[in-house]
């Protein structure tokens, strides 16, 4: 499948390595060019990527394998407002959900789940951005 070039960046935050991390990367590699994928395990580097110039749109996926991972991202919640954010959370406890919802997620799943449902959500986000981008490129009558 040929991937068309759109000004989209996939920003992936994860301090976890292993099966879930690799599964998400495989999803990203099916939808984005290698130059569009930005992977971060450091919250400060992640925040810089969120505001990095050169990409009109960003899709953000945060794999919070622990409560500490989520705490690392919370100071940057203002940068995530009005951006498509997918959160993979460590649990569904009330405190975790309260903190997670402050990050303005469009989709939430849990690390203990099979993450196959994340791919269609990610694909839909990409299609929506492509549709918006095409609409902006068309000349107005």
C-alpha atoms as a PDB file:
ATOM      1  CA  UNK A   1       0.000   0.000   0.000  1.00  0.00           C
ATOM      2  CA  UNK A   2       1.432   3.357  -1.042  1.00  0.00           C
ATOM      3  CA  UNK A   3       1.269   5.991   1.648  1.00  0.00           C
ATOM      4  CA  UNK A   4       0.550   9.514   0.503  1.00  0.00           C
ATOM      5  CA  UNK A   5       2.530  12.357   2.020  1.00  0.00           C
ATOM      6  CA  UNK A   6       0.435  14.483   4.352  1.00  0.00           C
ATOM      7  CA  UNK A   7       1.659  16.909   6.987  1.00  0.00           C
ATOM      8  CA  UNK A   8       0.883  14.518   9.853  1.00  0.00           C
ATOM      9  CA  UNK A   9       3.119  13.446  12.723  1.00  0.00           C
ATOM     10  CA  UNK A  10       2.472  10.385  14.894  1.00  0.00           C
ATOM     11  CA  UNK A  11       3.864  11.112  18.357  1.00  0.00           C
ATOM     12  CA  UNK A  12       4.204   8.086  20.592  1.00  0.00           C
ATOM     13  CA  UNK A  13       5.074   8.332  24.293  1.00  0.00           C
ATOM     14  CA  UNK A  14       5.983   5.163  26.137  1.00  0.00           C
ATOM     15  CA  UNK A  15       8.456   4.276  28.845  1.00  0.00           C
ATOM     16  CA  UNK A  16       7.427   0.628  28.405  1.00  0.00           C
ATOM     17  CA  UNK A  17       9.215  -1.680  26.012  1.00  0.00           C
ATOM     18  CA  UNK A  18       7.879  -5.022  24.991  1.00  0.00           C
ATOM     19  CA  UNK A  19       4.853  -6.506  23.280  1.00  0.00           C
ATOM     20  CA  UNK A  20       2.410  -3.578  23.702  1.00  0.00           C
ATOM     21  CA  UNK A  21       5.020  -1.040  22.579  1.00  0.00           C
ATOM     22  CA  UNK A  22       5.858  -3.137  19.511  1.00  0.00           C
ATOM     23  CA  UNK A  23       2.180  -3.676  18.691  1.00  0.00           C
ATOM     24  CA  UNK A  24       1.534   0.067  18.642  1.00  0.00           C
ATOM     25  CA  UNK A  25       4.614   0.677  16.506  1.00  0.00           C
ATOM     26  CA  UNK A  26       3.384  -1.916  14.007  1.00  0.00           C
ATOM     27  CA  UNK A  27       0.076  -0.017  13.772  1.00  0.00           C
ATOM     28  CA  UNK A  28       1.934   3.255  13.201  1.00  0.00           C
ATOM     29  CA  UNK A  29       4.207   1.774  10.539  1.00  0.00           C
ATOM     30  CA  UNK A  30       1.138   0.698   8.546  1.00  0.00           C
ATOM     31  CA  UNK A  31      -0.280   4.253   8.530  1.00  0.00           C
ATOM     32  CA  UNK A  32       2.689   6.639   8.587  1.00  0.00           C
ATOM     33  CA  UNK A  33       5.959   7.132   6.772  1.00  0.00           C
ATOM     34  CA  UNK A  34       9.025   6.502   8.970  1.00  0.00           C
ATOM     35  CA  UNK A  35       9.813  10.231   8.949  1.00  0.00           C
ATOM     36  CA  UNK A  36       6.355  10.941  10.408  1.00  0.00           C
ATOM     37  CA  UNK A  37       6.795   8.702  13.458  1.00  0.00           C
ATOM     38  CA  UNK A  38       8.243  10.277  16.593  1.00  0.00           C
ATOM     39  CA  UNK A  39       8.871   7.986  19.594  1.00  0.00           C
ATOM     40  CA  UNK A  40       9.620   9.314  23.074  1.00  0.00           C
ATOM     41  CA  UNK A  41      10.265   7.830  26.510  1.00  0.00           C
ATOM     42  CA  UNK A  42      11.115  11.198  28.083  1.00  0.00           C
ATOM     43  CA  UNK A  43       8.223  13.553  28.859  1.00  0.00           C
ATOM     44  CA  UNK A  44      10.190  16.731  28.069  1.00  0.00           C
ATOM     45  CA  UNK A  45      11.222  15.419  24.645  1.00  0.00           C
ATOM     46  CA  UNK A  46       7.628  14.315  24.091  1.00  0.00           C
ATOM     47  CA  UNK A  47       6.358  17.841  24.860  1.00  0.00           C
ATOM     48  CA  UNK A  48       8.844  19.350  22.379  1.00  0.00           C
ATOM     49  CA  UNK A  49       7.607  16.981  19.666  1.00  0.00           C
ATOM     50  CA  UNK A  50       3.988  17.974  20.323  1.00  0.00           C
ATOM     51  CA  UNK A  51       4.763  21.607  19.428  1.00  0.00           C
ATOM     52  CA  UNK A  52       7.525  20.954  16.868  1.00  0.00           C
ATOM     53  CA  UNK A  53       7.091  23.143  13.770  1.00  0.00           C
ATOM     54  CA  UNK A  54       6.781  21.564  10.339  1.00  0.00           C
ATOM     55  CA  UNK A  55       3.724  19.378  10.819  1.00  0.00           C
ATOM     56  CA  UNK A  56       0.225  20.789  10.568  1.00  0.00           C
ATOM     57  CA  UNK A  57      -1.393  17.864  12.342  1.00  0.00           C
ATOM     58  CA  UNK A  58      -0.337  15.506  15.078  1.00  0.00           C
ATOM     59  CA  UNK A  59      -1.854  12.302  16.384  1.00  0.00           C
ATOM     60  CA  UNK A  60      -0.651  11.468  19.873  1.00  0.00           C
ATOM     61  CA  UNK A  61      -0.630   8.057  21.484  1.00  0.00           C
ATOM     62  CA  UNK A  62       0.364   7.747  25.133  1.00  0.00           C
ATOM     63  CA  UNK A  63       1.103   4.292  26.479  1.00  0.00           C
ATOM     64  CA  UNK A  64       0.961   4.806  30.234  1.00  0.00           C
ATOM     65  CA  UNK A  65       1.982   1.442  31.591  1.00  0.00           C
ATOM     66  CA  UNK A  66       2.023   2.814  35.112  1.00  0.00           C
ATOM     67  CA  UNK A  67       0.591   5.640  37.182  1.00  0.00           C
ATOM     68  CA  UNK A  68       4.050   7.263  37.115  1.00  0.00           C
ATOM     69  CA  UNK A  69       3.956   7.375  33.294  1.00  0.00           C
ATOM     70  CA  UNK A  70       0.675   9.225  33.434  1.00  0.00           C
ATOM     71  CA  UNK A  71       2.082  11.639  36.042  1.00  0.00           C
ATOM     72  CA  UNK A  72       4.977  12.475  33.698  1.00  0.00           C
ATOM     73  CA  UNK A  73       2.576  13.653  30.989  1.00  0.00           C
ATOM     74  CA  UNK A  74       0.094  15.583  33.156  1.00  0.00           C
ATOM     75  CA  UNK A  75       2.182  18.803  33.305  1.00  0.00           C
ATOM     76  CA  UNK A  76       1.882  19.022  29.502  1.00  0.00           C
ATOM     77  CA  UNK A  77      -1.902  18.616  29.308  1.00  0.00           C
ATOM     78  CA  UNK A  78      -2.335  22.137  27.918  1.00  0.00           C
ATOM     79  CA  UNK A  79      -0.375  21.106  24.828  1.00  0.00           C
ATOM     80  CA  UNK A  80      -2.780  18.228  24.176  1.00  0.00           C
ATOM     81  CA  UNK A  81      -5.990  20.237  24.089  1.00  0.00           C
ATOM     82  CA  UNK A  82      -7.688  20.112  20.669  1.00  0.00           C
ATOM     83  CA  UNK A  83      -5.369  17.353  19.462  1.00  0.00           C
ATOM     84  CA  UNK A  84      -6.312  13.759  18.730  1.00  0.00           C
ATOM     85  CA  UNK A  85      -5.013  11.813  21.732  1.00  0.00           C
ATOM     86  CA  UNK A  86      -5.213   8.073  22.319  1.00  0.00           C
ATOM     87  CA  UNK A  87      -4.482   6.908  25.865  1.00  0.00           C
ATOM     88  CA  UNK A  88      -3.547   3.407  26.903  1.00  0.00           C
ATOM     89  CA  UNK A  89      -3.922   3.340  30.683  1.00  0.00           C
ATOM     90  CA  UNK A  90      -2.559   1.020  33.375  1.00  0.00           C
ATOM     91  CA  UNK A  91      -5.955   0.569  35.066  1.00  0.00           C
ATOM     92  CA  UNK A  92      -9.496   1.931  35.303  1.00  0.00           C
ATOM     93  CA  UNK A  93      -9.346   3.217  38.877  1.00  0.00           C
ATOM     94  CA  UNK A  94     -11.247   6.432  39.562  1.00  0.00           C
ATOM     95  CA  UNK A  95      -8.071   8.438  40.247  1.00  0.00           C
ATOM     96  CA  UNK A  96      -6.422   7.191  37.056  1.00  0.00           C
ATOM     97  CA  UNK A  97      -9.507   8.055  34.998  1.00  0.00           C
ATOM     98  CA  UNK A  98      -9.792  11.537  36.519  1.00  0.00           C
ATOM     99  CA  UNK A  99      -6.169  12.309  35.662  1.00  0.00           C
ATOM    100  CA  UNK A 100      -6.455  10.711  32.216  1.00  0.00           C
ATOM    101  CA  UNK A 101      -9.539  12.698  31.261  1.00  0.00           C
ATOM    102  CA  UNK A 102      -7.652  15.934  31.949  1.00  0.00           C
ATOM    103  CA  UNK A 103      -5.483  15.036  28.907  1.00  0.00           C
ATOM    104  CA  UNK A 104      -8.458  15.413  26.536  1.00  0.00           C
ATOM    105  CA  UNK A 105      -8.318  11.898  25.051  1.00  0.00           C
ATOM    106  CA  UNK A 106     -10.423  10.942  22.064  1.00  0.00           C
ATOM    107  CA  UNK A 107     -10.005   7.242  22.872  1.00  0.00           C
ATOM    108  CA  UNK A 108      -9.004   5.287  25.986  1.00  0.00           C
ATOM    109  CA  UNK A 109      -7.987   1.647  26.275  1.00  0.00           C
ATOM    110  CA  UNK A 110      -6.133  -0.344  28.918  1.00  0.00           C
ATOM    111  CA  UNK A 111      -2.739  -1.998  28.812  1.00  0.00           C
ATOM    112  CA  UNK A 112      -4.208  -5.294  30.043  1.00  0.00           C
ATOM    113  CA  UNK A 113      -6.502  -5.442  26.976  1.00  0.00           C
ATOM    114  CA  UNK A 114      -5.737  -6.684  23.523  1.00  0.00           C
ATOM    115  CA  UNK A 115      -4.881  -3.439  21.729  1.00  0.00           C
ATOM    116  CA  UNK A 116      -6.297  -4.504  18.347  1.00  0.00           C
ATOM    117  CA  UNK A 117      -9.142  -1.984  18.781  1.00  0.00           C
ATOM    118  CA  UNK A 118      -6.590   0.848  18.748  1.00  0.00           C
ATOM    119  CA  UNK A 119      -5.686   0.334  15.075  1.00  0.00           C
ATOM    120  CA  UNK A 120      -9.120   1.183  13.591  1.00  0.00           C
ATOM    121  CA  UNK A 121      -9.337   4.248  15.846  1.00  0.00           C
ATOM    122  CA  UNK A 122      -5.901   5.405  14.713  1.00  0.00           C
ATOM    123  CA  UNK A 123      -6.795   4.711  11.084  1.00  0.00           C
ATOM    124  CA  UNK A 124     -10.005   6.738  11.415  1.00  0.00           C
ATOM    125  CA  UNK A 125      -8.061   9.675  12.901  1.00  0.00           C
ATOM    126  CA  UNK A 126      -5.622   9.570   9.975  1.00  0.00           C
ATOM    127  CA  UNK A 127      -8.470   9.462   7.434  1.00  0.00           C
ATOM    128  CA  UNK A 128     -10.150  12.426   9.110  1.00  0.00           C
ATOM    129  CA  UNK A 129      -6.960  14.480   8.917  1.00  0.00           C
ATOM    130  CA  UNK A 130      -6.423  13.490   5.282  1.00  0.00           C
ATOM    131  CA  UNK A 131      -9.993  14.491   4.440  1.00  0.00           C
ATOM    132  CA  UNK A 132      -9.510  17.865   6.175  1.00  0.00           C
ATOM    133  CA  UNK A 133      -6.179  18.381   4.416  1.00  0.00           C
ATOM    134  CA  UNK A 134      -7.704  17.597   1.023  1.00  0.00           C
ATOM    135  CA  UNK A 135     -10.534  20.032   1.731  1.00  0.00           C
ATOM    136  CA  UNK A 136      -8.028  22.794   2.476  1.00  0.00           C
ATOM    137  CA  UNK A 137      -6.101  22.120  -0.760  1.00  0.00           C
ATOM    138  CA  UNK A 138      -9.168  22.375  -3.012  1.00  0.00           C
ATOM    139  CA  UNK A 139      -9.720  25.817  -4.520  1.00  0.00           C
ATOM    140  CA  UNK A 140     -12.751  27.615  -3.186  1.00  0.00           C
ATOM    141  CA  UNK A 141     -15.319  28.767  -5.801  1.00  0.00           C
END
